[in-house]
Amino acid sequence: RTVPQGHIDYRRVAQQMFKEIDKVHPNL
């Protein structure tokens, strides 16, 4: 859902999901 051709709405949500996971599990 973050591939370039994705809809801007869900790309931003998927990007935020990654950032949230990265905060709590930076190694995983």
mmCIF file of all heavy atoms, coordinates in Angstrom:
data_MODEL
# 
_entry.id   MODEL 
# 
loop_
_atom_site.group_PDB 
_atom_site.id 
_atom_site.type_symbol 
_atom_site.label_atom_id 
_atom_site.label_alt_id 
_atom_site.label_comp_id 
_atom_site.label_asym_id 
_atom_site.label_entity_id 
_atom_site.label_seq_id 
_atom_site.pdbx_PDB_ins_code 
_atom_site.Cartn_x 
_atom_site.Cartn_y 
_atom_site.Cartn_z 
_atom_site.occupancy 
_atom_site.B_iso_or_equiv 
_atom_site.pdbx_formal_charge 
_atom_site.auth_seq_id 
_atom_site.auth_comp_id 
_atom_site.auth_asym_id 
_atom_site.auth_atom_id 
_atom_site.pdbx_PDB_model_num 
ATOM 1   N N   . ARG A 1 1  ? 0.798  -1.222 0.000  1.00 0.00 ? 1  ARG A N   1 
ATOM 2   C CA  . ARG A 1 1  ? 0.000  0.000  0.000  1.00 0.00 ? 1  ARG A CA  1 
ATOM 3   C C   . ARG A 1 1  ? 0.835  1.279  0.000  1.00 0.00 ? 1  ARG A C   1 
ATOM 4   O O   . ARG A 1 1  ? 0.272  2.377  0.037  1.00 0.00 ? 1  ARG A O   1 
ATOM 5   C CB  . ARG A 1 1  ? -0.951 -0.012 1.201  1.00 0.00 ? 1  ARG A CB  1 
ATOM 6   C CG  . ARG A 1 1  ? -2.028 -1.084 1.117  1.00 0.00 ? 1  ARG A CG  1 
ATOM 7   C CD  . ARG A 1 1  ? -2.820 -0.968 -0.162 1.00 0.00 ? 1  ARG A CD  1 
ATOM 8   N NE  . ARG A 1 1  ? -3.824 -2.028 -0.302 1.00 0.00 ? 1  ARG A NE  1 
ATOM 9   C CZ  . ARG A 1 1  ? -4.556 -2.220 -1.389 1.00 0.00 ? 1  ARG A CZ  1 
ATOM 10  N NH1 . ARG A 1 1  ? -4.386 -1.447 -2.442 1.00 0.00 ? 1  ARG A NH1 1 
ATOM 11  N NH2 . ARG A 1 1  ? -5.433 -3.196 -1.446 1.00 0.00 ? 1  ARG A NH2 1 
ATOM 12  N N   . THR A 1 2  ? 2.157  1.160  -0.037 1.00 0.00 ? 2  THR A N   1 
ATOM 13  C CA  . THR A 1 2  ? 2.986  2.361  -0.202 1.00 0.00 ? 2  THR A CA  1 
ATOM 14  C C   . THR A 1 2  ? 3.670  2.395  -1.573 1.00 0.00 ? 2  THR A C   1 
ATOM 15  O O   . THR A 1 2  ? 4.514  3.267  -1.814 1.00 0.00 ? 2  THR A O   1 
ATOM 16  C CB  . THR A 1 2  ? 4.062  2.475  0.900  1.00 0.00 ? 2  THR A CB  1 
ATOM 17  O OG1 . THR A 1 2  ? 4.894  1.306  0.880  1.00 0.00 ? 2  THR A OG1 1 
ATOM 18  C CG2 . THR A 1 2  ? 3.434  2.642  2.270  1.00 0.00 ? 2  THR A CG2 1 
ATOM 19  N N   . VAL A 1 3  ? 3.309  1.474  -2.476 1.00 0.00 ? 3  VAL A N   1 
ATOM 20  C CA  . VAL A 1 3  ? 3.898  1.528  -3.819 1.00 0.00 ? 3  VAL A CA  1 
ATOM 21  C C   . VAL A 1 3  ? 3.478  2.833  -4.486 1.00 0.00 ? 3  VAL A C   1 
ATOM 22  O O   . VAL A 1 3  ? 2.415  3.395  -4.181 1.00 0.00 ? 3  VAL A O   1 
ATOM 23  C CB  . VAL A 1 3  ? 3.461  0.315  -4.679 1.00 0.00 ? 3  VAL A CB  1 
ATOM 24  C CG1 . VAL A 1 3  ? 4.019  -0.981 -4.115 1.00 0.00 ? 3  VAL A CG1 1 
ATOM 25  C CG2 . VAL A 1 3  ? 1.948  0.239  -4.805 1.00 0.00 ? 3  VAL A CG2 1 
ATOM 26  N N   . PRO A 1 4  ? 4.302  3.363  -5.394 1.00 0.00 ? 4  PRO A N   1 
ATOM 27  C CA  . PRO A 1 4  ? 4.039  4.687  -5.988 1.00 0.00 ? 4  PRO A CA  1 
ATOM 28  C C   . PRO A 1 4  ? 2.659  4.838  -6.616 1.00 0.00 ? 4  PRO A C   1 
ATOM 29  O O   . PRO A 1 4  ? 2.079  5.924  -6.562 1.00 0.00 ? 4  PRO A O   1 
ATOM 30  C CB  . PRO A 1 4  ? 5.138  4.813  -7.051 1.00 0.00 ? 4  PRO A CB  1 
ATOM 31  C CG  . PRO A 1 4  ? 6.255  3.971  -6.532 1.00 0.00 ? 4  PRO A CG  1 
ATOM 32  C CD  . PRO A 1 4  ? 5.586  2.810  -5.856 1.00 0.00 ? 4  PRO A CD  1 
ATOM 33  N N   . GLN A 1 5  ? 2.126  3.755  -7.218 1.00 0.00 ? 5  GLN A N   1 
ATOM 34  C CA  . GLN A 1 5  ? 0.843  3.876  -7.915 1.00 0.00 ? 5  GLN A CA  1 
ATOM 35  C C   . GLN A 1 5  ? -0.363 3.826  -6.981 1.00 0.00 ? 5  GLN A C   1 
ATOM 36  O O   . GLN A 1 5  ? -1.500 3.940  -7.422 1.00 0.00 ? 5  GLN A O   1 
ATOM 37  C CB  . GLN A 1 5  ? 0.704  2.784  -8.982 1.00 0.00 ? 5  GLN A CB  1 
ATOM 38  C CG  . GLN A 1 5  ? 0.693  1.359  -8.460 1.00 0.00 ? 5  GLN A CG  1 
ATOM 39  C CD  . GLN A 1 5  ? 2.075  0.723  -8.492 1.00 0.00 ? 5  GLN A CD  1 
ATOM 40  O OE1 . GLN A 1 5  ? 3.069  1.398  -8.274 1.00 0.00 ? 5  GLN A OE1 1 
ATOM 41  N NE2 . GLN A 1 5  ? 2.134  -0.569 -8.768 1.00 0.00 ? 5  GLN A NE2 1 
ATOM 42  N N   . GLY A 1 6  ? -0.133 3.686  -5.680 1.00 0.00 ? 6  GLY A N   1 
ATOM 43  C CA  . GLY A 1 6  ? -1.239 3.609  -4.734 1.00 0.00 ? 6  GLY A CA  1 
ATOM 44  C C   . GLY A 1 6  ? -1.951 4.944  -4.555 1.00 0.00 ? 6  GLY A C   1 
ATOM 45  O O   . GLY A 1 6  ? -1.368 6.015  -4.750 1.00 0.00 ? 6  GLY A O   1 
ATOM 46  N N   . HIS A 1 7  ? -3.222 4.881  -4.158 1.00 0.00 ? 7  HIS A N   1 
ATOM 47  C CA  . HIS A 1 7  ? -4.005 6.087  -3.876 1.00 0.00 ? 7  HIS A CA  1 
ATOM 48  C C   . HIS A 1 7  ? -3.343 6.846  -2.729 1.00 0.00 ? 7  HIS A C   1 
ATOM 49  O O   . HIS A 1 7  ? -2.898 6.254  -1.747 1.00 0.00 ? 7  HIS A O   1 
ATOM 50  C CB  . HIS A 1 7  ? -5.431 5.689  -3.494 1.00 0.00 ? 7  HIS A CB  1 
ATOM 51  C CG  . HIS A 1 7  ? -6.387 6.837  -3.440 1.00 0.00 ? 7  HIS A CG  1 
ATOM 52  N ND1 . HIS A 1 7  ? -6.325 7.810  -2.456 1.00 0.00 ? 7  HIS A ND1 1 
ATOM 53  C CD2 . HIS A 1 7  ? -7.440 7.177  -4.227 1.00 0.00 ? 7  HIS A CD2 1 
ATOM 54  C CE1 . HIS A 1 7  ? -7.296 8.690  -2.646 1.00 0.00 ? 7  HIS A CE1 1 
ATOM 55  N NE2 . HIS A 1 7  ? -7.977 8.328  -3.722 1.00 0.00 ? 7  HIS A NE2 1 
ATOM 56  N N   . ILE A 1 8  ? -3.285 8.143  -2.862 1.00 0.00 ? 8  ILE A N   1 
ATOM 57  C CA  . ILE A 1 8  ? -2.578 8.971  -1.884 1.00 0.00 ? 8  ILE A CA  1 
ATOM 58  C C   . ILE A 1 8  ? -3.119 8.784  -0.465 1.00 0.00 ? 8  ILE A C   1 
ATOM 59  O O   . ILE A 1 8  ? -2.366 8.837  0.514  1.00 0.00 ? 8  ILE A O   1 
ATOM 60  C CB  . ILE A 1 8  ? -2.624 10.469 -2.292 1.00 0.00 ? 8  ILE A CB  1 
ATOM 61  C CG1 . ILE A 1 8  ? -1.686 11.286 -1.401 1.00 0.00 ? 8  ILE A CG1 1 
ATOM 62  C CG2 . ILE A 1 8  ? -4.063 11.006 -2.266 1.00 0.00 ? 8  ILE A CG2 1 
ATOM 63  C CD1 . ILE A 1 8  ? -1.506 12.711 -1.873 1.00 0.00 ? 8  ILE A CD1 1 
ATOM 64  N N   . ASP A 1 9  ? -4.432 8.546  -0.336 1.00 0.00 ? 9  ASP A N   1 
ATOM 65  C CA  . ASP A 1 9  ? -5.025 8.389  0.998  1.00 0.00 ? 9  ASP A CA  1 
ATOM 66  C C   . ASP A 1 9  ? -4.469 7.172  1.718  1.00 0.00 ? 9  ASP A C   1 
ATOM 67  O O   . ASP A 1 9  ? -4.011 7.266  2.863  1.00 0.00 ? 9  ASP A O   1 
ATOM 68  C CB  . ASP A 1 9  ? -6.550 8.277  0.891  1.00 0.00 ? 9  ASP A CB  1 
ATOM 69  C CG  . ASP A 1 9  ? -7.212 9.597  0.564  1.00 0.00 ? 9  ASP A CG  1 
ATOM 70  O OD1 . ASP A 1 9  ? -6.519 10.634 0.635  1.00 0.00 ? 9  ASP A OD1 1 
ATOM 71  O OD2 . ASP A 1 9  ? -8.417 9.601  0.226  1.00 0.00 ? 9  ASP A OD2 1 
ATOM 72  N N   . TYR A 1 10 ? -4.529 6.011  1.056  1.00 0.00 ? 10 TYR A N   1 
ATOM 73  C CA  . TYR A 1 10 ? -4.067 4.831  1.785  1.00 0.00 ? 10 TYR A CA  1 
ATOM 74  C C   . TYR A 1 10 ? -2.539 4.741  1.829  1.00 0.00 ? 10 TYR A C   1 
ATOM 75  O O   . TYR A 1 10 ? -1.976 4.123  2.727  1.00 0.00 ? 10 TYR A O   1 
ATOM 76  C CB  . TYR A 1 10 ? -4.708 3.544  1.272  1.00 0.00 ? 10 TYR A CB  1 
ATOM 77  C CG  . TYR A 1 10 ? -4.366 3.060  -0.123 1.00 0.00 ? 10 TYR A CG  1 
ATOM 78  C CD1 . TYR A 1 10 ? -3.082 2.674  -0.476 1.00 0.00 ? 10 TYR A CD1 1 
ATOM 79  C CD2 . TYR A 1 10 ? -5.378 2.884  -1.073 1.00 0.00 ? 10 TYR A CD2 1 
ATOM 80  C CE1 . TYR A 1 10 ? -2.782 2.180  -1.728 1.00 0.00 ? 10 TYR A CE1 1 
ATOM 81  C CE2 . TYR A 1 10 ? -5.103 2.384  -2.336 1.00 0.00 ? 10 TYR A CE2 1 
ATOM 82  C CZ  . TYR A 1 10 ? -3.800 2.029  -2.658 1.00 0.00 ? 10 TYR A CZ  1 
ATOM 83  O OH  . TYR A 1 10 ? -3.512 1.523  -3.905 1.00 0.00 ? 10 TYR A OH  1 
ATOM 84  N N   . ARG A 1 11 ? -1.842 5.410  0.885  1.00 0.00 ? 11 ARG A N   1 
ATOM 85  C CA  . ARG A 1 11 ? -0.384 5.432  0.962  1.00 0.00 ? 11 ARG A CA  1 
ATOM 86  C C   . ARG A 1 11 ? 0.051  6.130  2.257  1.00 0.00 ? 11 ARG A C   1 
ATOM 87  O O   . ARG A 1 11 ? 0.947  5.656  2.959  1.00 0.00 ? 11 ARG A O   1 
ATOM 88  C CB  . ARG A 1 11 ? 0.220  6.178  -0.235 1.00 0.00 ? 11 ARG A CB  1 
ATOM 89  C CG  . ARG A 1 11 ? 0.150  5.404  -1.547 1.00 0.00 ? 11 ARG A CG  1 
ATOM 90  C CD  . ARG A 1 11 ? 1.004  6.038  -2.638 1.00 0.00 ? 11 ARG A CD  1 
ATOM 91  N NE  . ARG A 1 11 ? 2.403  5.726  -2.438 1.00 0.00 ? 11 ARG A NE  1 
ATOM 92  C CZ  . ARG A 1 11 ? 3.334  6.579  -2.050 1.00 0.00 ? 11 ARG A CZ  1 
ATOM 93  N NH1 . ARG A 1 11 ? 3.006  7.853  -1.818 1.00 0.00 ? 11 ARG A NH1 1 
ATOM 94  N NH2 . ARG A 1 11 ? 4.578  6.211  -1.883 1.00 0.00 ? 11 ARG A NH2 1 
ATOM 95  N N   . ARG A 1 12 ? -0.609 7.241  2.571  1.00 0.00 ? 12 ARG A N   1 
ATOM 96  C CA  . ARG A 1 12 ? -0.224 7.990  3.772  1.00 0.00 ? 12 ARG A CA  1 
ATOM 97  C C   . ARG A 1 12 ? -0.547 7.221  5.048  1.00 0.00 ? 12 ARG A C   1 
ATOM 98  O O   . ARG A 1 12 ? 0.221  7.267  6.022  1.00 0.00 ? 12 ARG A O   1 
ATOM 99  C CB  . ARG A 1 12 ? -0.921 9.353  3.760  1.00 0.00 ? 12 ARG A CB  1 
ATOM 100 C CG  . ARG A 1 12 ? -0.301 10.319 2.751  1.00 0.00 ? 12 ARG A CG  1 
ATOM 101 C CD  . ARG A 1 12 ? -1.079 11.598 2.619  1.00 0.00 ? 12 ARG A CD  1 
ATOM 102 N NE  . ARG A 1 12 ? -0.407 12.541 1.714  1.00 0.00 ? 12 ARG A NE  1 
ATOM 103 C CZ  . ARG A 1 12 ? -0.965 13.637 1.233  1.00 0.00 ? 12 ARG A CZ  1 
ATOM 104 N NH1 . ARG A 1 12 ? -2.213 13.946 1.569  1.00 0.00 ? 12 ARG A NH1 1 
ATOM 105 N NH2 . ARG A 1 12 ? -0.296 14.422 0.418  1.00 0.00 ? 12 ARG A NH2 1 
ATOM 106 N N   . VAL A 1 13 ? -1.647 6.502  5.058  1.00 0.00 ? 13 VAL A N   1 
ATOM 107 C CA  . VAL A 1 13 ? -2.001 5.706  6.238  1.00 0.00 ? 13 VAL A CA  1 
ATOM 108 C C   . VAL A 1 13 ? -1.011 4.559  6.403  1.00 0.00 ? 13 VAL A C   1 
ATOM 109 O O   . VAL A 1 13 ? -0.543 4.281  7.515  1.00 0.00 ? 13 VAL A O   1 
ATOM 110 C CB  . VAL A 1 13 ? -3.450 5.183  6.135  1.00 0.00 ? 13 VAL A CB  1 
ATOM 111 C CG1 . VAL A 1 13 ? -3.747 4.190  7.262  1.00 0.00 ? 13 VAL A CG1 1 
ATOM 112 C CG2 . VAL A 1 13 ? -4.437 6.341  6.189  1.00 0.00 ? 13 VAL A CG2 1 
ATOM 113 N N   . ALA A 1 14 ? -0.685 3.877  5.309  1.00 0.00 ? 14 ALA A N   1 
ATOM 114 C CA  . ALA A 1 14 ? 0.278  2.780  5.385  1.00 0.00 ? 14 ALA A CA  1 
ATOM 115 C C   . ALA A 1 14 ? 1.658  3.287  5.816  1.00 0.00 ? 14 ALA A C   1 
ATOM 116 O O   . ALA A 1 14 ? 2.360  2.632  6.593  1.00 0.00 ? 14 ALA A O   1 
ATOM 117 C CB  . ALA A 1 14 ? 0.363  2.074  4.035  1.00 0.00 ? 14 ALA A CB  1 
ATOM 118 N N   . GLN A 1 15 ? 2.043  4.456  5.327  1.00 0.00 ? 15 GLN A N   1 
ATOM 119 C CA  . GLN A 1 15 ? 3.315  5.055  5.745  1.00 0.00 ? 15 GLN A CA  1 
ATOM 120 C C   . GLN A 1 15 ? 3.305  5.336  7.247  1.00 0.00 ? 15 GLN A C   1 
ATOM 121 O O   . GLN A 1 15 ? 4.299  5.098  7.948  1.00 0.00 ? 15 GLN A O   1 
ATOM 122 C CB  . GLN A 1 15 ? 3.569  6.347  4.964  1.00 0.00 ? 15 GLN A CB  1 
ATOM 123 C CG  . GLN A 1 15 ? 3.921  6.122  3.499  1.00 0.00 ? 15 GLN A CG  1 
ATOM 124 C CD  . GLN A 1 15 ? 3.887  7.401  2.678  1.00 0.00 ? 15 GLN A CD  1 
ATOM 125 O OE1 . GLN A 1 15 ? 3.370  8.427  3.123  1.00 0.00 ? 15 GLN A OE1 1 
ATOM 126 N NE2 . GLN A 1 15 ? 4.420  7.353  1.469  1.00 0.00 ? 15 GLN A NE2 1 
ATOM 127 N N   . GLN A 1 16 ? 2.173  5.855  7.756  1.00 0.00 ? 16 GLN A N   1 
ATOM 128 C CA  . GLN A 1 16 ? 2.068  6.144  9.180  1.00 0.00 ? 16 GLN A CA  1 
ATOM 129 C C   . GLN A 1 16 ? 2.101  4.858  10.002 1.00 0.00 ? 16 GLN A C   1 
ATOM 130 O O   . GLN A 1 16 ? 2.685  4.829  11.091 1.00 0.00 ? 16 GLN A O   1 
ATOM 131 C CB  . GLN A 1 16 ? 0.777  6.924  9.468  1.00 0.00 ? 16 GLN A CB  1 
ATOM 132 C CG  . GLN A 1 16 ? 0.628  7.375  10.910 1.00 0.00 ? 16 GLN A CG  1 
ATOM 133 C CD  . GLN A 1 16 ? 1.759  8.280  11.376 1.00 0.00 ? 16 GLN A CD  1 
ATOM 134 O OE1 . GLN A 1 16 ? 2.282  9.086  10.604 1.00 0.00 ? 16 GLN A OE1 1 
ATOM 135 N NE2 . GLN A 1 16 ? 2.156  8.153  12.633 1.00 0.00 ? 16 GLN A NE2 1 
ATOM 136 N N   . MET A 1 17 ? 1.494  3.792  9.475  1.00 0.00 ? 17 MET A N   1 
ATOM 137 C CA  . MET A 1 17 ? 1.552  2.498  10.158 1.00 0.00 ? 17 MET A CA  1 
ATOM 138 C C   . MET A 1 17 ? 3.001  2.051  10.341 1.00 0.00 ? 17 MET A C   1 
ATOM 139 O O   . MET A 1 17 ? 3.401  1.591  11.417 1.00 0.00 ? 17 MET A O   1 
ATOM 140 C CB  . MET A 1 17 ? 0.794  1.437  9.357  1.00 0.00 ? 17 MET A CB  1 
ATOM 141 C CG  . MET A 1 17 ? -0.706 1.500  9.474  1.00 0.00 ? 17 MET A CG  1 
ATOM 142 S SD  . MET A 1 17 ? -1.449 0.170  8.490  1.00 0.00 ? 17 MET A SD  1 
ATOM 143 C CE  . MET A 1 17 ? -3.146 0.229  9.103  1.00 0.00 ? 17 MET A CE  1 
ATOM 144 N N   . PHE A 1 18 ? 3.778  2.191  9.275  1.00 0.00 ? 18 PHE A N   1 
ATOM 145 C CA  . PHE A 1 18 ? 5.189  1.814  9.370  1.00 0.00 ? 18 PHE A CA  1 
ATOM 146 C C   . PHE A 1 18 ? 5.905  2.646  10.430 1.00 0.00 ? 18 PHE A C   1 
ATOM 147 O O   . PHE A 1 18 ? 6.677  2.108  11.241 1.00 0.00 ? 18 PHE A O   1 
ATOM 148 C CB  . PHE A 1 18 ? 5.880  1.998  8.019  1.00 0.00 ? 18 PHE A CB  1 
ATOM 149 C CG  . PHE A 1 18 ? 7.371  1.810  8.096  1.00 0.00 ? 18 PHE A CG  1 
ATOM 150 C CD1 . PHE A 1 18 ? 7.917  0.545  8.206  1.00 0.00 ? 18 PHE A CD1 1 
ATOM 151 C CD2 . PHE A 1 18 ? 8.228  2.908  8.095  1.00 0.00 ? 18 PHE A CD2 1 
ATOM 152 C CE1 . PHE A 1 18 ? 9.294  0.374  8.303  1.00 0.00 ? 18 PHE A CE1 1 
ATOM 153 C CE2 . PHE A 1 18 ? 9.595  2.744  8.194  1.00 0.00 ? 18 PHE A CE2 1 
ATOM 154 C CZ  . PHE A 1 18 ? 10.134 1.472  8.294  1.00 0.00 ? 18 PHE A CZ  1 
ATOM 155 N N   . LYS A 1 19 ? 5.662  3.942  10.441 1.00 0.00 ? 19 LYS A N   1 
ATOM 156 C CA  . LYS A 1 19 ? 6.320  4.823  11.403 1.00 0.00 ? 19 LYS A CA  1 
ATOM 157 C C   . LYS A 1 19 ? 5.935  4.457  12.842 1.00 0.00 ? 19 LYS A C   1 
ATOM 158 O O   . LYS A 1 19 ? 6.776  4.513  13.747 1.00 0.00 ? 19 LYS A O   1 
ATOM 159 C CB  . LYS A 1 19 ? 5.969  6.281  11.108 1.00 0.00 ? 19 LYS A CB  1 
ATOM 160 C CG  . LYS A 1 19 ? 6.564  6.788  9.789  1.00 0.00 ? 19 LYS A CG  1 
ATOM 161 C CD  . LYS A 1 19 ? 6.054  8.186  9.444  1.00 0.00 ? 19 LYS A CD  1 
ATOM 162 C CE  . LYS A 1 19 ? 6.592  8.656  8.093  1.00 0.00 ? 19 LYS A CE  1 
ATOM 163 N NZ  . LYS A 1 19 ? 6.044  9.980  7.698  1.00 0.00 ? 19 LYS A NZ  1 
ATOM 164 N N   . GLU A 1 20 ? 4.671  4.085  13.040 1.00 0.00 ? 20 GLU A N   1 
ATOM 165 C CA  . GLU A 1 20 ? 4.211  3.697  14.376 1.00 0.00 ? 20 GLU A CA  1 
ATOM 166 C C   . GLU A 1 20 ? 4.902  2.411  14.837 1.00 0.00 ? 20 GLU A C   1 
ATOM 167 O O   . GLU A 1 20 ? 5.311  2.296  15.992 1.00 0.00 ? 20 GLU A O   1 
ATOM 168 C CB  . GLU A 1 20 ? 2.689  3.496  14.354 1.00 0.00 ? 20 GLU A CB  1 
ATOM 169 C CG  . GLU A 1 20 ? 1.881  4.759  14.165 1.00 0.00 ? 20 GLU A CG  1 
ATOM 170 C CD  . GLU A 1 20 ? 1.706  5.540  15.456 1.00 0.00 ? 20 GLU A CD  1 
ATOM 171 O OE1 . GLU A 1 20 ? 1.147  4.984  16.416 1.00 0.00 ? 20 GLU A OE1 1 
ATOM 172 O OE2 . GLU A 1 20 ? 2.137  6.703  15.511 1.00 0.00 ? 20 GLU A OE2 1 
ATOM 173 N N   . ILE A 1 21 ? 5.023  1.439  13.936 1.00 0.00 ? 21 ILE A N   1 
ATOM 174 C CA  . ILE A 1 21 ? 5.695  0.184  14.277 1.00 0.00 ? 21 ILE A CA  1 
ATOM 175 C C   . ILE A 1 21 ? 7.182  0.429  14.518 1.00 0.00 ? 21 ILE A C   1 
ATOM 176 O O   . ILE A 1 21 ? 7.786  -0.123 15.443 1.00 0.00 ? 21 ILE A O   1 
ATOM 177 C CB  . ILE A 1 21 ? 5.487  -0.861 13.166 1.00 0.00 ? 21 ILE A CB  1 
ATOM 178 C CG1 . ILE A 1 21 ? 4.018  -1.291 13.110 1.00 0.00 ? 21 ILE A CG1 1 
ATOM 179 C CG2 . ILE A 1 21 ? 6.373  -2.091 13.387 1.00 0.00 ? 21 ILE A CG2 1 
ATOM 180 C CD1 . ILE A 1 21 ? 3.670  -2.204 11.956 1.00 0.00 ? 21 ILE A CD1 1 
ATOM 181 N N   . ASP A 1 22 ? 7.768  1.296  13.691 1.00 0.00 ? 22 ASP A N   1 
ATOM 182 C CA  . ASP A 1 22 ? 9.193  1.600  13.812 1.00 0.00 ? 22 ASP A CA  1 
ATOM 183 C C   . ASP A 1 22 ? 9.520  2.246  15.162 1.00 0.00 ? 22 ASP A C   1 
ATOM 184 O O   . ASP A 1 22 ? 10.604 2.050  15.709 1.00 0.00 ? 22 ASP A O   1 
ATOM 185 C CB  . ASP A 1 22 ? 9.604  2.524  12.663 1.00 0.00 ? 22 ASP A CB  1 
ATOM 186 C CG  . ASP A 1 22 ? 11.106 2.742  12.598 1.00 0.00 ? 22 ASP A CG  1 
ATOM 187 O OD1 . ASP A 1 22 ? 11.849 1.743  12.603 1.00 0.00 ? 22 ASP A OD1 1 
ATOM 188 O OD2 . ASP A 1 22 ? 11.535 3.913  12.555 1.00 0.00 ? 22 ASP A OD2 1 
ATOM 189 N N   . LYS A 1 23 ? 8.570  3.013  15.702 1.00 0.00 ? 23 LYS A N   1 
ATOM 190 C CA  . LYS A 1 23 ? 8.784  3.660  17.002 1.00 0.00 ? 23 LYS A CA  1 
ATOM 191 C C   . LYS A 1 23 ? 8.925  2.634  18.122 1.00 0.00 ? 23 LYS A C   1 
ATOM 192 O O   . LYS A 1 23 ? 9.766  2.768  19.012 1.00 0.00 ? 23 LYS A O   1 
ATOM 193 C CB  . LYS A 1 23 ? 7.615  4.597  17.335 1.00 0.00 ? 23 LYS A CB  1 
ATOM 194 C CG  . LYS A 1 23 ? 7.602  5.899  16.567 1.00 0.00 ? 23 LYS A CG  1 
ATOM 195 C CD  . LYS A 1 23 ? 6.378  6.709  16.987 1.00 0.00 ? 23 LYS A CD  1 
ATOM 196 C CE  . LYS A 1 23 ? 6.213  7.963  16.141 1.00 0.00 ? 23 LYS A CE  1 
ATOM 197 N NZ  . LYS A 1 23 ? 4.970  8.695  16.500 1.00 0.00 ? 23 LYS A NZ  1 
ATOM 198 N N   . VAL A 1 24 ? 8.081  1.619  18.093 1.00 0.00 ? 24 VAL A N   1 
ATOM 199 C CA  . VAL A 1 24 ? 8.047  0.660  19.213 1.00 0.00 ? 24 VAL A CA  1 
ATOM 200 C C   . VAL A 1 24 ? 8.910  -0.567 18.962 1.00 0.00 ? 24 VAL A C   1 
ATOM 201 O O   . VAL A 1 24 ? 9.360  -1.223 19.902 1.00 0.00 ? 24 VAL A O   1 
ATOM 202 C CB  . VAL A 1 24 ? 6.596  0.231  19.530 1.00 0.00 ? 24 VAL A CB  1 
ATOM 203 C CG1 . VAL A 1 24 ? 5.773  1.433  19.950 1.00 0.00 ? 24 VAL A CG1 1 
ATOM 204 C CG2 . VAL A 1 24 ? 5.932  -0.471 18.349 1.00 0.00 ? 24 VAL A CG2 1 
ATOM 205 N N   . HIS A 1 25 ? 9.147  -0.890 17.689 1.00 0.00 ? 25 HIS A N   1 
ATOM 206 C CA  . HIS A 1 25 ? 9.968  -2.049 17.323 1.00 0.00 ? 25 HIS A CA  1 
ATOM 207 C C   . HIS A 1 25 ? 11.010 -1.633 16.270 1.00 0.00 ? 25 HIS A C   1 
ATOM 208 O O   . HIS A 1 25 ? 10.955 -2.092 15.125 1.00 0.00 ? 25 HIS A O   1 
ATOM 209 C CB  . HIS A 1 25 ? 9.095  -3.187 16.772 1.00 0.00 ? 25 HIS A CB  1 
ATOM 210 C CG  . HIS A 1 25 ? 8.239  -3.856 17.796 1.00 0.00 ? 25 HIS A CG  1 
ATOM 211 N ND1 . HIS A 1 25 ? 7.265  -4.785 17.470 1.00 0.00 ? 25 HIS A ND1 1 
ATOM 212 C CD2 . HIS A 1 25 ? 8.206  -3.758 19.151 1.00 0.00 ? 25 HIS A CD2 1 
ATOM 213 C CE1 . HIS A 1 25 ? 6.673  -5.217 18.570 1.00 0.00 ? 25 HIS A CE1 1 
ATOM 214 N NE2 . HIS A 1 25 ? 7.229  -4.602 19.601 1.00 0.00 ? 25 HIS A NE2 1 
ATOM 215 N N   . PRO A 1 26 ? 11.959 -0.791 16.633 1.00 0.00 ? 26 PRO A N   1 
ATOM 216 C CA  . PRO A 1 26 ? 12.929 -0.271 15.654 1.00 0.00 ? 26 PRO A CA  1 
ATOM 217 C C   . PRO A 1 26 ? 13.809 -1.331 15.014 1.00 0.00 ? 26 PRO A C   1 
ATOM 218 O O   . PRO A 1 26 ? 14.299 -1.135 13.901 1.00 0.00 ? 26 PRO A O   1 
ATOM 219 C CB  . PRO A 1 26 ? 13.757 0.734  16.473 1.00 0.00 ? 26 PRO A CB  1 
ATOM 220 C CG  . PRO A 1 26 ? 13.586 0.299  17.891 1.00 0.00 ? 26 PRO A CG  1 
ATOM 221 C CD  . PRO A 1 26 ? 12.194 -0.236 17.985 1.00 0.00 ? 26 PRO A CD  1 
ATOM 222 N N   . ASN A 1 27 ? 14.014 -2.445 15.694 1.00 0.00 ? 27 ASN A N   1 
ATOM 223 C CA  . ASN A 1 27 ? 14.834 -3.514 15.117 1.00 0.00 ? 27 ASN A CA  1 
ATOM 224 C C   . ASN A 1 27 ? 14.008 -4.442 14.231 1.00 0.00 ? 27 ASN A C   1 
ATOM 225 O O   . ASN A 1 27 ? 14.437 -4.821 13.141 1.00 0.00 ? 27 ASN A O   1 
ATOM 226 C CB  . ASN A 1 27 ? 15.509 -4.317 16.234 1.00 0.00 ? 27 ASN A CB  1 
ATOM 227 C CG  . ASN A 1 27 ? 16.522 -3.483 16.996 1.00 0.00 ? 27 ASN A CG  1 
ATOM 228 O OD1 . ASN A 1 27 ? 17.502 -3.001 16.440 1.00 0.00 ? 27 ASN A OD1 1 
ATOM 229 N ND2 . ASN A 1 27 ? 16.266 -3.285 18.286 1.00 0.00 ? 27 ASN A ND2 1 
ATOM 230 N N   . LEU A 1 28 ? 12.808 -4.774 14.670 1.00 0.00 ? 28 LEU A N   1 
ATOM 231 C CA  . LEU A 1 28 ? 11.946 -5.649 13.874 1.00 0.00 ? 28 LEU A CA  1 
ATOM 232 C C   . LEU A 1 28 ? 11.414 -4.944 12.625 1.00 0.00 ? 28 LEU A C   1 
ATOM 233 O O   . LEU A 1 28 ? 11.188 -5.579 11.594 1.00 0.00 ? 28 LEU A O   1 
ATOM 234 C CB  . LEU A 1 28 ? 10.764 -6.142 14.712 1.00 0.00 ? 28 LEU A CB  1 
ATOM 235 C CG  . LEU A 1 28 ? 11.076 -7.224 15.751 1.00 0.00 ? 28 LEU A CG  1 
ATOM 236 C CD1 . LEU A 1 28 ? 9.825  -7.564 16.550 1.00 0.00 ? 28 LEU A CD1 1 
ATOM 237 C CD2 . LEU A 1 28 ? 11.624 -8.475 15.080 1.00 0.00 ? 28 LEU A CD2 1 
# 
